[in-house]
Amino acid sequence: MDALLWSRAEDHRATLVLAHGAGVGMTSPFMEQIAALLADRGISVARFEFPYMAARRDGGSKRPPPRADKLIEPFADAFRTACADSAPGPVAIGGKSLGGRVAAMLAARSEGAEAPAGVVCLGYPFHPPGRPETLRLTPLEDAAREARCPVLICQGDRDPFGNAAEIAGFGLPAVVSVSFLEDGDHDFKPRGRSPATWKGNLAAAADRVAAFLARDI
């Protein structure tokens, strides 16, 4: 795989291997900012791109991503590479939207020394927009049941992929915690009339991820 893009923390406490979402790569504004905010909070971040996105960057066609299960092995490769190059401490996996979904799928099949310390989902795609009947709860349920892996989801409370009112009725496993960002959409951006700001929501998400990874997971 291509080299990881590291944002290393000076006061290192943990590492997060972070995948991008379906449509934009590891250097999107969201990924750049969340990586920097986490590094400021003692979390070293290793970003990487799935092969389909790396091909786009190299001038390939903008084909849609493959099925999520086809991305598990590339994520596992990135996780192993990061573990070999990270500072001492727990190594967790996570991602933006699709990346978080694949992280949960990888955690569900990991065990022993190869298991991540936790999963972080930034805007989990609970269902496609406008199709609330097409739920994607299985990766979260499998991570909880098969690996007993703690999961943190940071979600805009009006995310079209799963808003706060919908999530309240999903009955998620006890090891899955959800933290909502005020008036946030799928990228945590609030509306213009909201008292919340995108900068504030990103910082709040970084605070919650850092606290999650700093505890004894």
N, C-alpha and C. Protein backbone atom coordinates (compact mmCIF):
# COMPACT_ATOMS: atom_id res chain seq x y z
N MET A 1 0.84 -1.20 0.00
CA MET A 1 0.00 0.00 0.00
C MET A 1 0.88 1.25 0.00
N ASP A 2 0.26 2.41 -0.38
CA ASP A 2 1.00 3.67 -0.36
C ASP A 2 1.33 4.04 1.09
N ALA A 3 2.29 4.94 1.24
CA ALA A 3 2.71 5.34 2.57
C ALA A 3 1.57 6.02 3.31
N LEU A 4 1.58 5.86 4.61
CA LEU A 4 0.61 6.53 5.45
C LEU A 4 0.94 8.02 5.56
N LEU A 5 -0.08 8.82 5.74
CA LEU A 5 0.11 10.25 5.96
C LEU A 5 -0.08 10.50 7.46
N TRP A 6 1.03 10.78 8.15
CA TRP A 6 1.01 10.89 9.61
C TRP A 6 0.81 12.32 10.07
N SER A 7 0.01 12.49 11.10
CA SER A 7 -0.05 13.71 11.90
C SER A 7 0.33 13.26 13.31
N ARG A 8 1.58 13.42 13.67
CA ARG A 8 2.09 12.85 14.92
C ARG A 8 1.95 13.86 16.07
N ALA A 9 1.49 13.36 17.19
CA ALA A 9 1.31 14.18 18.38
C ALA A 9 2.61 14.28 19.16
N GLU A 10 2.93 15.47 19.64
CA GLU A 10 4.11 15.63 20.48
C GLU A 10 3.90 14.96 21.83
N ASP A 11 2.73 15.13 22.39
CA ASP A 11 2.39 14.51 23.68
C ASP A 11 1.54 13.26 23.39
N HIS A 12 2.20 12.25 22.81
CA HIS A 12 1.49 11.08 22.27
C HIS A 12 0.86 10.22 23.36
N ARG A 13 -0.42 9.89 23.16
CA ARG A 13 -1.11 8.99 24.08
C ARG A 13 -1.70 7.77 23.37
N ALA A 14 -2.06 7.93 22.11
CA ALA A 14 -2.66 6.84 21.35
C ALA A 14 -2.56 7.15 19.87
N THR A 15 -2.83 6.14 19.05
CA THR A 15 -2.79 6.29 17.60
C THR A 15 -4.15 5.94 17.01
N LEU A 16 -4.57 6.70 16.02
CA LEU A 16 -5.80 6.41 15.29
C LEU A 16 -5.48 6.26 13.81
N VAL A 17 -5.77 5.09 13.24
CA VAL A 17 -5.62 4.86 11.81
C VAL A 17 -6.94 5.25 11.16
N LEU A 18 -6.92 6.26 10.30
CA LEU A 18 -8.15 6.93 9.87
C LEU A 18 -8.34 6.83 8.36
N ALA A 19 -9.49 6.28 7.96
CA ALA A 19 -9.85 6.16 6.55
C ALA A 19 -10.82 7.27 6.15
N HIS A 20 -10.82 7.57 4.87
CA HIS A 20 -11.68 8.63 4.33
C HIS A 20 -13.09 8.11 4.02
N GLY A 21 -13.93 9.02 3.57
CA GLY A 21 -15.28 8.66 3.16
C GLY A 21 -15.33 8.22 1.71
N ALA A 22 -16.53 8.00 1.21
CA ALA A 22 -16.69 7.41 -0.12
C ALA A 22 -16.23 8.32 -1.25
N GLY A 23 -16.46 9.64 -1.10
CA GLY A 23 -16.26 10.51 -2.25
C GLY A 23 -15.03 11.38 -2.25
N VAL A 24 -14.38 11.55 -1.11
CA VAL A 24 -13.18 12.40 -1.05
C VAL A 24 -12.08 11.67 -0.30
N GLY A 25 -10.83 12.05 -0.60
CA GLY A 25 -9.69 11.30 -0.08
C GLY A 25 -9.18 11.80 1.26
N MET A 26 -7.97 11.38 1.58
CA MET A 26 -7.42 11.61 2.91
C MET A 26 -6.97 13.05 3.15
N THR A 27 -6.93 13.89 2.08
CA THR A 27 -6.51 15.28 2.25
C THR A 27 -7.68 16.25 2.11
N SER A 28 -8.89 15.78 2.26
CA SER A 28 -10.05 16.67 2.24
C SER A 28 -9.96 17.63 3.43
N PRO A 29 -10.65 18.78 3.38
CA PRO A 29 -10.62 19.70 4.52
C PRO A 29 -11.03 19.04 5.83
N PHE A 30 -12.05 18.18 5.79
CA PHE A 30 -12.48 17.51 7.01
C PHE A 30 -11.36 16.65 7.57
N MET A 31 -10.74 15.83 6.72
CA MET A 31 -9.69 14.93 7.19
C MET A 31 -8.46 15.70 7.67
N GLU A 32 -8.10 16.76 6.96
CA GLU A 32 -6.95 17.57 7.37
C GLU A 32 -7.19 18.19 8.75
N GLN A 33 -8.38 18.75 8.93
CA GLN A 33 -8.64 19.46 10.18
C GLN A 33 -8.79 18.51 11.35
N ILE A 34 -9.49 17.42 11.18
CA ILE A 34 -9.68 16.50 12.31
C ILE A 34 -8.36 15.87 12.70
N ALA A 35 -7.49 15.58 11.74
CA ALA A 35 -6.17 15.01 12.06
C ALA A 35 -5.34 16.00 12.86
N ALA A 36 -5.36 17.27 12.47
CA ALA A 36 -4.59 18.28 13.19
C ALA A 36 -5.13 18.49 14.60
N LEU A 37 -6.46 18.54 14.74
CA LEU A 37 -7.06 18.72 16.05
C LEU A 37 -6.75 17.56 16.99
N LEU A 38 -6.78 16.34 16.46
CA LEU A 38 -6.47 15.18 17.29
C LEU A 38 -5.00 15.17 17.69
N ALA A 39 -4.12 15.52 16.78
CA ALA A 39 -2.69 15.56 17.12
C ALA A 39 -2.43 16.57 18.24
N ASP A 40 -3.16 17.69 18.21
CA ASP A 40 -3.04 18.68 19.28
C ASP A 40 -3.48 18.13 20.63
N ARG A 41 -4.30 17.07 20.60
CA ARG A 41 -4.85 16.47 21.82
C ARG A 41 -4.16 15.17 22.21
N GLY A 42 -3.01 14.91 21.63
CA GLY A 42 -2.22 13.75 22.01
C GLY A 42 -2.52 12.48 21.24
N ILE A 43 -3.31 12.59 20.17
CA ILE A 43 -3.64 11.42 19.36
C ILE A 43 -2.92 11.52 18.02
N SER A 44 -1.97 10.63 17.78
CA SER A 44 -1.30 10.59 16.49
C SER A 44 -2.24 9.94 15.47
N VAL A 45 -2.35 10.54 14.29
CA VAL A 45 -3.29 10.06 13.28
C VAL A 45 -2.52 9.61 12.05
N ALA A 46 -2.83 8.39 11.59
CA ALA A 46 -2.26 7.85 10.36
C ALA A 46 -3.38 7.74 9.33
N ARG A 47 -3.36 8.63 8.34
CA ARG A 47 -4.37 8.58 7.28
C ARG A 47 -3.87 7.74 6.11
N PHE A 48 -4.82 7.16 5.40
CA PHE A 48 -4.48 6.38 4.21
C PHE A 48 -5.65 6.42 3.25
N GLU A 49 -5.41 5.96 2.01
CA GLU A 49 -6.47 5.92 1.01
C GLU A 49 -6.70 4.50 0.52
N PHE A 50 -7.96 4.17 0.34
CA PHE A 50 -8.30 2.89 -0.27
C PHE A 50 -7.82 2.91 -1.73
N PRO A 51 -7.57 1.73 -2.30
CA PRO A 51 -7.02 1.69 -3.67
C PRO A 51 -7.83 2.45 -4.70
N TYR A 52 -9.15 2.41 -4.62
CA TYR A 52 -9.95 3.12 -5.64
C TYR A 52 -9.73 4.62 -5.57
N MET A 53 -9.55 5.15 -4.35
CA MET A 53 -9.32 6.59 -4.20
C MET A 53 -7.90 6.95 -4.60
N ALA A 54 -6.94 6.09 -4.28
CA ALA A 54 -5.56 6.34 -4.70
C ALA A 54 -5.47 6.36 -6.23
N ALA A 55 -6.24 5.49 -6.89
CA ALA A 55 -6.25 5.47 -8.36
C ALA A 55 -6.81 6.77 -8.92
N ARG A 56 -7.84 7.32 -8.27
CA ARG A 56 -8.37 8.62 -8.70
C ARG A 56 -7.30 9.69 -8.61
N ARG A 57 -6.55 9.69 -7.51
CA ARG A 57 -5.51 10.70 -7.31
C ARG A 57 -4.45 10.60 -8.39
N ASP A 58 -4.22 9.40 -8.89
CA ASP A 58 -3.20 9.19 -9.94
C ASP A 58 -3.75 9.39 -11.34
N GLY A 59 -4.97 9.94 -11.43
CA GLY A 59 -5.53 10.25 -12.74
C GLY A 59 -6.50 9.22 -13.28
N GLY A 60 -6.85 8.24 -12.47
CA GLY A 60 -7.79 7.23 -12.90
C GLY A 60 -9.21 7.75 -12.93
N SER A 61 -10.13 6.93 -13.42
CA SER A 61 -11.53 7.34 -13.53
C SER A 61 -12.17 7.43 -12.15
N LYS A 62 -13.19 8.26 -12.04
CA LYS A 62 -13.89 8.44 -10.78
C LYS A 62 -15.02 7.42 -10.65
N ARG A 63 -14.65 6.18 -10.59
CA ARG A 63 -15.63 5.13 -10.38
C ARG A 63 -16.10 5.14 -8.93
N PRO A 64 -17.33 4.68 -8.69
CA PRO A 64 -17.79 4.61 -7.29
C PRO A 64 -16.97 3.59 -6.51
N PRO A 65 -16.95 3.69 -5.20
CA PRO A 65 -16.18 2.72 -4.41
C PRO A 65 -16.76 1.32 -4.55
N PRO A 66 -15.94 0.30 -4.37
CA PRO A 66 -16.45 -1.07 -4.37
C PRO A 66 -17.28 -1.33 -3.12
N ARG A 67 -17.85 -2.52 -3.04
CA ARG A 67 -18.59 -2.90 -1.83
C ARG A 67 -17.70 -2.75 -0.62
N ALA A 68 -18.31 -2.40 0.51
CA ALA A 68 -17.54 -2.14 1.72
C ALA A 68 -16.68 -3.32 2.13
N ASP A 69 -17.17 -4.54 1.94
CA ASP A 69 -16.39 -5.70 2.37
C ASP A 69 -15.12 -5.88 1.55
N LYS A 70 -15.07 -5.28 0.36
CA LYS A 70 -13.86 -5.35 -0.47
C LYS A 70 -12.76 -4.43 0.04
N LEU A 71 -13.10 -3.56 0.98
CA LEU A 71 -12.14 -2.59 1.50
C LEU A 71 -11.53 -3.01 2.83
N ILE A 72 -11.97 -4.15 3.36
CA ILE A 72 -11.47 -4.59 4.66
C ILE A 72 -9.98 -4.91 4.60
N GLU A 73 -9.55 -5.64 3.57
CA GLU A 73 -8.14 -6.02 3.48
C GLU A 73 -7.21 -4.82 3.34
N PRO A 74 -7.53 -3.85 2.47
CA PRO A 74 -6.67 -2.66 2.45
C PRO A 74 -6.60 -1.94 3.79
N PHE A 75 -7.72 -1.92 4.52
CA PHE A 75 -7.70 -1.29 5.85
C PHE A 75 -6.82 -2.11 6.79
N ALA A 76 -6.92 -3.43 6.72
CA ALA A 76 -6.07 -4.28 7.57
C ALA A 76 -4.59 -4.05 7.28
N ASP A 77 -4.25 -3.87 6.01
CA ASP A 77 -2.86 -3.58 5.64
C ASP A 77 -2.39 -2.26 6.25
N ALA A 78 -3.25 -1.24 6.17
CA ALA A 78 -2.90 0.06 6.75
C ALA A 78 -2.74 -0.05 8.26
N PHE A 79 -3.60 -0.80 8.89
CA PHE A 79 -3.53 -0.98 10.35
C PHE A 79 -2.22 -1.66 10.75
N ARG A 80 -1.84 -2.71 10.04
CA ARG A 80 -0.59 -3.39 10.36
C ARG A 80 0.61 -2.47 10.15
N THR A 81 0.59 -1.71 9.05
CA THR A 81 1.69 -0.78 8.79
C THR A 81 1.79 0.28 9.88
N ALA A 82 0.66 0.81 10.29
CA ALA A 82 0.65 1.83 11.33
C ALA A 82 1.13 1.27 12.67
N CYS A 83 0.71 0.06 13.00
CA CYS A 83 1.15 -0.55 14.26
C CYS A 83 2.66 -0.69 14.30
N ALA A 84 3.27 -1.00 13.16
CA ALA A 84 4.71 -1.18 13.11
C ALA A 84 5.46 0.15 13.21
N ASP A 85 4.77 1.26 12.89
CA ASP A 85 5.44 2.56 12.83
C ASP A 85 4.95 3.54 13.89
N SER A 86 4.06 3.09 14.76
CA SER A 86 3.48 4.00 15.74
C SER A 86 4.31 4.04 17.02
N ALA A 87 4.12 5.10 17.77
CA ALA A 87 4.72 5.20 19.09
C ALA A 87 3.99 4.26 20.04
N PRO A 88 4.59 3.92 21.18
CA PRO A 88 3.93 3.03 22.13
C PRO A 88 2.56 3.57 22.54
N GLY A 89 1.66 2.64 22.80
CA GLY A 89 0.31 3.02 23.22
C GLY A 89 -0.73 2.34 22.37
N PRO A 90 -2.01 2.47 22.73
CA PRO A 90 -3.07 1.80 21.99
C PRO A 90 -3.19 2.32 20.57
N VAL A 91 -3.58 1.43 19.66
CA VAL A 91 -3.81 1.80 18.26
C VAL A 91 -5.26 1.46 17.92
N ALA A 92 -6.04 2.47 17.59
CA ALA A 92 -7.43 2.29 17.22
C ALA A 92 -7.60 2.52 15.73
N ILE A 93 -8.76 2.16 15.21
CA ILE A 93 -9.06 2.37 13.80
C ILE A 93 -10.36 3.15 13.69
N GLY A 94 -10.53 3.84 12.58
CA GLY A 94 -11.75 4.59 12.39
C GLY A 94 -11.80 5.22 11.02
N GLY A 95 -12.82 6.05 10.83
CA GLY A 95 -12.94 6.68 9.53
C GLY A 95 -14.12 7.60 9.44
N LYS A 96 -14.10 8.35 8.37
CA LYS A 96 -15.21 9.24 8.01
C LYS A 96 -16.21 8.43 7.20
N SER A 97 -17.45 8.37 7.63
CA SER A 97 -18.55 7.75 6.89
C SER A 97 -18.20 6.32 6.46
N LEU A 98 -18.01 6.07 5.16
CA LEU A 98 -17.66 4.74 4.68
C LEU A 98 -16.45 4.18 5.41
N GLY A 99 -15.45 5.02 5.67
CA GLY A 99 -14.25 4.55 6.36
C GLY A 99 -14.55 4.02 7.75
N GLY A 100 -15.50 4.66 8.46
CA GLY A 100 -15.89 4.17 9.77
C GLY A 100 -16.64 2.85 9.69
N ARG A 101 -17.47 2.72 8.68
CA ARG A 101 -18.20 1.46 8.48
C ARG A 101 -17.23 0.31 8.25
N VAL A 102 -16.22 0.53 7.40
CA VAL A 102 -15.24 -0.52 7.12
C VAL A 102 -14.40 -0.80 8.37
N ALA A 103 -14.10 0.24 9.15
CA ALA A 103 -13.36 0.03 10.40
C ALA A 103 -14.11 -0.91 11.33
N ALA A 104 -15.41 -0.72 11.45
CA ALA A 104 -16.22 -1.61 12.30
C ALA A 104 -16.22 -3.04 11.76
N MET A 105 -16.26 -3.18 10.44
CA MET A 105 -16.22 -4.51 9.83
C MET A 105 -14.89 -5.20 10.10
N LEU A 106 -13.80 -4.43 10.02
CA LEU A 106 -12.48 -5.00 10.31
C LEU A 106 -12.38 -5.40 11.77
N ALA A 107 -12.87 -4.55 12.67
CA ALA A 107 -12.80 -4.87 14.10
C ALA A 107 -13.55 -6.16 14.42
N ALA A 108 -14.67 -6.38 13.74
CA ALA A 108 -15.50 -7.55 14.02
C ALA A 108 -14.78 -8.86 13.72
N ARG A 109 -13.83 -8.82 12.81
CA ARG A 109 -13.14 -10.06 12.45
C ARG A 109 -11.72 -10.15 13.02
N SER A 110 -11.34 -9.16 13.84
CA SER A 110 -10.00 -9.13 14.43
C SER A 110 -10.01 -9.76 15.81
N GLU A 111 -8.87 -10.31 16.18
CA GLU A 111 -8.76 -10.90 17.51
C GLU A 111 -7.31 -10.90 17.97
N GLY A 112 -7.13 -11.04 19.27
CA GLY A 112 -5.79 -11.14 19.83
C GLY A 112 -4.95 -9.91 19.58
N ALA A 113 -3.69 -10.14 19.26
CA ALA A 113 -2.74 -9.04 19.07
C ALA A 113 -3.08 -8.18 17.86
N GLU A 114 -3.88 -8.73 16.93
CA GLU A 114 -4.23 -7.99 15.73
C GLU A 114 -5.50 -7.17 15.89
N ALA A 115 -6.10 -7.16 17.05
CA ALA A 115 -7.34 -6.43 17.27
C ALA A 115 -7.05 -4.97 17.59
N PRO A 116 -7.81 -4.04 17.03
CA PRO A 116 -7.63 -2.63 17.38
C PRO A 116 -8.13 -2.35 18.80
N ALA A 117 -7.65 -1.26 19.37
CA ALA A 117 -8.06 -0.90 20.72
C ALA A 117 -9.46 -0.35 20.76
N GLY A 118 -9.96 0.11 19.65
CA GLY A 118 -11.31 0.67 19.58
C GLY A 118 -11.60 1.13 18.17
N VAL A 119 -12.84 1.56 17.94
CA VAL A 119 -13.28 2.04 16.64
C VAL A 119 -13.88 3.43 16.80
N VAL A 120 -13.50 4.34 15.90
CA VAL A 120 -14.03 5.70 15.90
C VAL A 120 -14.71 5.95 14.56
N CYS A 121 -15.99 6.28 14.60
CA CYS A 121 -16.75 6.55 13.39
C CYS A 121 -17.14 8.02 13.37
N LEU A 122 -16.70 8.73 12.37
CA LEU A 122 -16.99 10.16 12.24
C LEU A 122 -18.07 10.33 11.17
N GLY A 123 -19.32 10.41 11.61
CA GLY A 123 -20.43 10.46 10.67
C GLY A 123 -20.73 9.07 10.14
N TYR A 124 -21.29 8.20 10.99
CA TYR A 124 -21.54 6.82 10.55
C TYR A 124 -22.73 6.79 9.59
N PRO A 125 -22.61 6.06 8.46
CA PRO A 125 -23.71 5.98 7.49
C PRO A 125 -24.74 4.91 7.89
N PHE A 126 -25.59 5.25 8.84
CA PHE A 126 -26.57 4.29 9.33
C PHE A 126 -27.50 3.81 8.21
N HIS A 127 -27.77 4.68 7.25
CA HIS A 127 -28.59 4.30 6.09
C HIS A 127 -28.32 5.31 4.99
N PRO A 128 -28.61 4.98 3.72
CA PRO A 128 -28.47 5.97 2.66
C PRO A 128 -29.48 7.10 2.88
N PRO A 129 -29.14 8.33 2.49
CA PRO A 129 -30.09 9.43 2.65
C PRO A 129 -31.42 9.14 1.96
N GLY A 130 -32.50 9.37 2.67
CA GLY A 130 -33.83 9.14 2.11
C GLY A 130 -34.27 7.70 2.11
N ARG A 131 -33.46 6.80 2.64
CA ARG A 131 -33.81 5.38 2.67
C ARG A 131 -33.59 4.83 4.08
N PRO A 132 -34.36 5.29 5.05
CA PRO A 132 -34.14 4.88 6.44
C PRO A 132 -34.41 3.41 6.69
N GLU A 133 -35.09 2.75 5.77
CA GLU A 133 -35.36 1.31 5.95
C GLU A 133 -34.14 0.45 5.64
N THR A 134 -33.13 1.00 4.97
CA THR A 134 -31.92 0.26 4.59
C THR A 134 -30.85 0.49 5.64
N LEU A 135 -30.98 -0.18 6.77
CA LEU A 135 -30.08 0.07 7.89
C LEU A 135 -28.76 -0.69 7.75
N ARG A 136 -27.68 -0.08 8.28
CA ARG A 136 -26.36 -0.69 8.26
C ARG A 136 -25.86 -0.84 9.69
N LEU A 137 -26.63 -1.53 10.50
CA LEU A 137 -26.27 -1.73 11.89
C LEU A 137 -25.36 -2.94 12.10
N THR A 138 -25.34 -3.86 11.15
CA THR A 138 -24.61 -5.12 11.33
C THR A 138 -23.14 -4.92 11.66
N PRO A 139 -22.39 -4.02 10.99
CA PRO A 139 -20.97 -3.86 11.36
C PRO A 139 -20.79 -3.47 12.82
N LEU A 140 -21.66 -2.59 13.33
CA LEU A 140 -21.56 -2.17 14.73
C LEU A 140 -21.91 -3.32 15.66
N GLU A 141 -22.97 -4.04 15.33
CA GLU A 141 -23.39 -5.16 16.17
C GLU A 141 -22.34 -6.27 16.17
N ASP A 142 -21.73 -6.53 15.01
CA ASP A 142 -20.71 -7.57 14.94
C ASP A 142 -19.45 -7.18 15.70
N ALA A 143 -19.06 -5.90 15.61
CA ALA A 143 -17.88 -5.45 16.36
C ALA A 143 -18.10 -5.61 17.85
N ALA A 144 -19.33 -5.34 18.29
CA ALA A 144 -19.65 -5.48 19.71
C ALA A 144 -19.70 -6.93 20.14
N ARG A 145 -20.29 -7.77 19.31
CA ARG A 145 -20.50 -9.17 19.69
C ARG A 145 -19.24 -10.02 19.47
N GLU A 146 -18.64 -9.92 18.31
CA GLU A 146 -17.52 -10.79 17.95
C GLU A 146 -16.21 -10.36 18.61
N ALA A 147 -15.98 -9.06 18.66
CA ALA A 147 -14.71 -8.57 19.18
C ALA A 147 -14.85 -7.83 20.51
N ARG A 148 -16.07 -7.60 20.93
CA ARG A 148 -16.32 -6.80 22.15
C ARG A 148 -15.51 -5.51 22.10
N CYS A 149 -15.54 -4.90 20.95
CA CYS A 149 -14.71 -3.72 20.70
C CYS A 149 -15.49 -2.45 21.00
N PRO A 150 -14.97 -1.55 21.83
CA PRO A 150 -15.66 -0.28 22.08
C PRO A 150 -15.69 0.59 20.83
N VAL A 151 -16.82 1.21 20.61
CA VAL A 151 -17.02 2.03 19.41
C VAL A 151 -17.53 3.41 19.84
N LEU A 152 -16.92 4.46 19.31
CA LEU A 152 -17.41 5.82 19.49
C LEU A 152 -17.87 6.34 18.14
N ILE A 153 -19.11 6.83 18.10
CA ILE A 153 -19.64 7.46 16.90
C ILE A 153 -19.86 8.94 17.20
N CYS A 154 -19.24 9.81 16.41
CA CYS A 154 -19.52 11.23 16.46
C CYS A 154 -20.41 11.56 15.27
N GLN A 155 -21.59 12.09 15.55
CA GLN A 155 -22.62 12.24 14.53
C GLN A 155 -23.27 13.61 14.61
N GLY A 156 -23.41 14.27 13.46
CA GLY A 156 -24.21 15.48 13.42
C GLY A 156 -25.64 15.15 13.77
N ASP A 157 -26.28 15.96 14.60
CA ASP A 157 -27.60 15.55 15.07
C ASP A 157 -28.69 15.66 14.01
N ARG A 158 -28.37 16.25 12.83
CA ARG A 158 -29.33 16.23 11.72
C ARG A 158 -28.72 15.56 10.48
N ASP A 159 -27.79 14.64 10.71
CA ASP A 159 -27.13 13.92 9.63
C ASP A 159 -28.17 13.16 8.79
N PRO A 160 -28.21 13.34 7.47
CA PRO A 160 -29.17 12.62 6.64
C PRO A 160 -28.89 11.12 6.55
N PHE A 161 -27.70 10.70 6.98
CA PHE A 161 -27.37 9.28 7.03
C PHE A 161 -27.78 8.64 8.36
N GLY A 162 -28.43 9.41 9.21
CA GLY A 162 -28.87 8.92 10.52
C GLY A 162 -28.84 10.05 11.51
N ASN A 163 -30.02 10.60 11.83
CA ASN A 163 -30.05 11.73 12.74
C ASN A 163 -30.31 11.29 14.17
N ALA A 164 -30.29 12.24 15.08
CA ALA A 164 -30.38 11.92 16.51
C ALA A 164 -31.69 11.22 16.85
N ALA A 165 -32.79 11.68 16.28
CA ALA A 165 -34.09 11.07 16.59
C ALA A 165 -34.14 9.63 16.11
N GLU A 166 -33.60 9.35 14.94
CA GLU A 166 -33.60 7.98 14.42
C GLU A 166 -32.71 7.07 15.27
N ILE A 167 -31.52 7.55 15.57
CA ILE A 167 -30.54 6.71 16.28
C ILE A 167 -31.05 6.33 17.66
N ALA A 168 -31.84 7.19 18.26
CA ALA A 168 -32.38 6.90 19.60
C ALA A 168 -33.20 5.61 19.61
N GLY A 169 -33.75 5.23 18.47
CA GLY A 169 -34.58 4.02 18.42
C GLY A 169 -33.88 2.79 17.87
N PHE A 170 -32.58 2.85 17.65
CA PHE A 170 -31.87 1.73 17.02
C PHE A 170 -31.49 0.63 18.00
N GLY A 171 -31.43 0.91 19.30
CA GLY A 171 -31.04 -0.11 20.26
C GLY A 171 -29.62 -0.60 20.05
N LEU A 172 -28.69 0.31 19.96
CA LEU A 172 -27.29 -0.05 19.71
C LEU A 172 -26.70 -0.79 20.89
N PRO A 173 -25.71 -1.66 20.66
CA PRO A 173 -25.05 -2.38 21.77
C PRO A 173 -24.45 -1.42 22.79
N ALA A 174 -24.30 -1.90 24.00
CA ALA A 174 -23.82 -1.06 25.10
C ALA A 174 -22.42 -0.51 24.86
N VAL A 175 -21.59 -1.25 24.12
CA VAL A 175 -20.21 -0.78 23.90
C VAL A 175 -20.15 0.28 22.81
N VAL A 176 -21.26 0.59 22.18
CA VAL A 176 -21.31 1.62 21.14
C VAL A 176 -21.89 2.89 21.74
N SER A 177 -21.11 3.94 21.80
CA SER A 177 -21.57 5.23 22.31
C SER A 177 -21.66 6.23 21.17
N VAL A 178 -22.66 7.09 21.24
CA VAL A 178 -22.88 8.09 20.20
C VAL A 178 -22.81 9.48 20.82
N SER A 179 -22.01 10.34 20.23
CA SER A 179 -21.88 11.71 20.68
C SER A 179 -22.34 12.63 19.54
N PHE A 180 -23.34 13.47 19.82
CA PHE A 180 -23.93 14.30 18.77
C PHE A 180 -23.30 15.68 18.73
N LEU A 181 -23.16 16.21 17.50
CA LEU A 181 -22.62 17.54 17.26
C LEU A 181 -23.78 18.47 16.91
N GLU A 182 -23.85 19.59 17.59
CA GLU A 182 -25.01 20.48 17.53
C GLU A 182 -25.32 20.95 16.11
N ASP A 183 -26.54 20.64 15.65
CA ASP A 183 -27.06 21.07 14.35
C ASP A 183 -26.17 20.63 13.20
N GLY A 184 -25.36 19.58 13.42
CA GLY A 184 -24.40 19.16 12.41
C GLY A 184 -25.00 18.30 11.32
N ASP A 185 -24.47 18.45 10.09
CA ASP A 185 -24.83 17.56 8.99
C ASP A 185 -23.82 16.40 8.94
N HIS A 186 -23.68 15.75 7.81
CA HIS A 186 -22.79 14.58 7.72
C HIS A 186 -21.32 14.95 7.92
N ASP A 187 -20.98 16.21 7.66
CA ASP A 187 -19.62 16.71 7.89
C ASP A 187 -19.53 17.55 9.17
N PHE A 188 -20.57 17.48 10.00
CA PHE A 188 -20.67 18.22 11.26
C PHE A 188 -20.93 19.71 11.05
N LYS A 189 -21.25 20.14 9.84
CA LYS A 189 -21.48 21.56 9.58
C LYS A 189 -22.89 21.96 10.01
N PRO A 190 -23.02 23.02 10.82
CA PRO A 190 -24.35 23.52 11.19
C PRO A 190 -24.89 24.48 10.13
N ARG A 191 -26.16 24.76 10.23
CA ARG A 191 -26.75 25.75 9.35
C ARG A 191 -26.31 27.16 9.75
N GLY A 192 -26.46 28.08 8.80
CA GLY A 192 -25.96 29.43 9.02
C GLY A 192 -26.61 30.14 10.19
N ARG A 193 -27.88 29.83 10.46
CA ARG A 193 -28.56 30.52 11.55
C ARG A 193 -28.31 29.86 12.91
N SER A 194 -27.57 28.76 12.92
CA SER A 194 -27.33 28.04 14.16
C SER A 194 -26.29 28.76 15.01
N PRO A 195 -26.43 28.69 16.33
CA PRO A 195 -25.37 29.24 17.20
C PRO A 195 -24.09 28.41 17.15
N ALA A 196 -24.20 27.16 16.70
CA ALA A 196 -23.02 26.30 16.57
C ALA A 196 -22.20 26.71 15.35
N THR A 197 -20.93 26.32 15.34
CA THR A 197 -20.05 26.56 14.20
C THR A 197 -19.38 25.26 13.79
N TRP A 198 -18.92 25.21 12.53
CA TRP A 198 -18.22 24.01 12.07
C TRP A 198 -16.92 23.83 12.84
N LYS A 199 -16.20 24.93 13.04
CA LYS A 199 -14.95 24.86 13.81
C LYS A 199 -15.21 24.32 15.21
N GLY A 200 -16.26 24.81 15.85
CA GLY A 200 -16.59 24.34 17.19
C GLY A 200 -17.00 22.88 17.21
N ASN A 201 -17.76 22.44 16.21
CA ASN A 201 -18.17 21.04 16.17
C ASN A 201 -16.99 20.11 15.91
N LEU A 202 -16.08 20.51 15.04
CA LEU A 202 -14.88 19.70 14.81
C LEU A 202 -14.05 19.59 16.09
N ALA A 203 -13.90 20.70 16.79
CA ALA A 203 -13.14 20.68 18.04
C ALA A 203 -13.83 19.79 19.08
N ALA A 204 -15.16 19.86 19.15
CA ALA A 204 -15.90 19.02 20.10
C ALA A 204 -15.72 17.56 19.76
N ALA A 205 -15.76 17.22 18.47
CA ALA A 205 -15.55 15.83 18.06
C ALA A 205 -14.15 15.37 18.43
N ALA A 206 -13.16 16.22 18.21
CA ALA A 206 -11.78 15.87 18.56
C ALA A 206 -11.64 15.66 20.06
N ASP A 207 -12.30 16.49 20.86
CA ASP A 207 -12.26 16.33 22.31
C ASP A 207 -12.81 14.96 22.71
N ARG A 208 -13.92 14.58 22.11
CA ARG A 208 -14.57 13.33 22.48
C ARG A 208 -13.77 12.11 22.03
N VAL A 209 -13.18 12.20 20.84
CA VAL A 209 -12.33 11.11 20.37
C VAL A 209 -11.10 10.97 21.26
N ALA A 210 -10.46 12.09 21.61
CA ALA A 210 -9.27 12.04 22.46
C ALA A 210 -9.60 11.45 23.82
N ALA A 211 -10.73 11.83 24.39
CA ALA A 211 -11.13 11.28 25.70
C ALA A 211 -11.41 9.79 25.60
N PHE A 212 -12.05 9.36 24.50
CA PHE A 212 -12.35 7.95 24.27
C PHE A 212 -11.08 7.11 24.17
N LEU A 213 -10.09 7.62 23.44
CA LEU A 213 -8.87 6.86 23.23
C LEU A 213 -7.91 6.94 24.41
N ALA A 214 -8.05 7.97 25.23
CA ALA A 214 -7.16 8.11 26.39
C ALA A 214 -7.59 7.23 27.55
N ARG A 215 -8.85 6.81 27.57
CA ARG A 215 -9.30 5.96 28.68
C ARG A 215 -8.82 4.53 28.46
N ASP A 216 -9.01 3.72 29.41
CA ASP A 216 -8.52 2.33 29.36
C ASP A 216 -9.46 1.50 28.50
N ILE A 217 -9.25 1.55 27.16
CA ILE A 217 -10.09 0.79 26.25
C ILE A 217 -9.45 -0.55 25.89
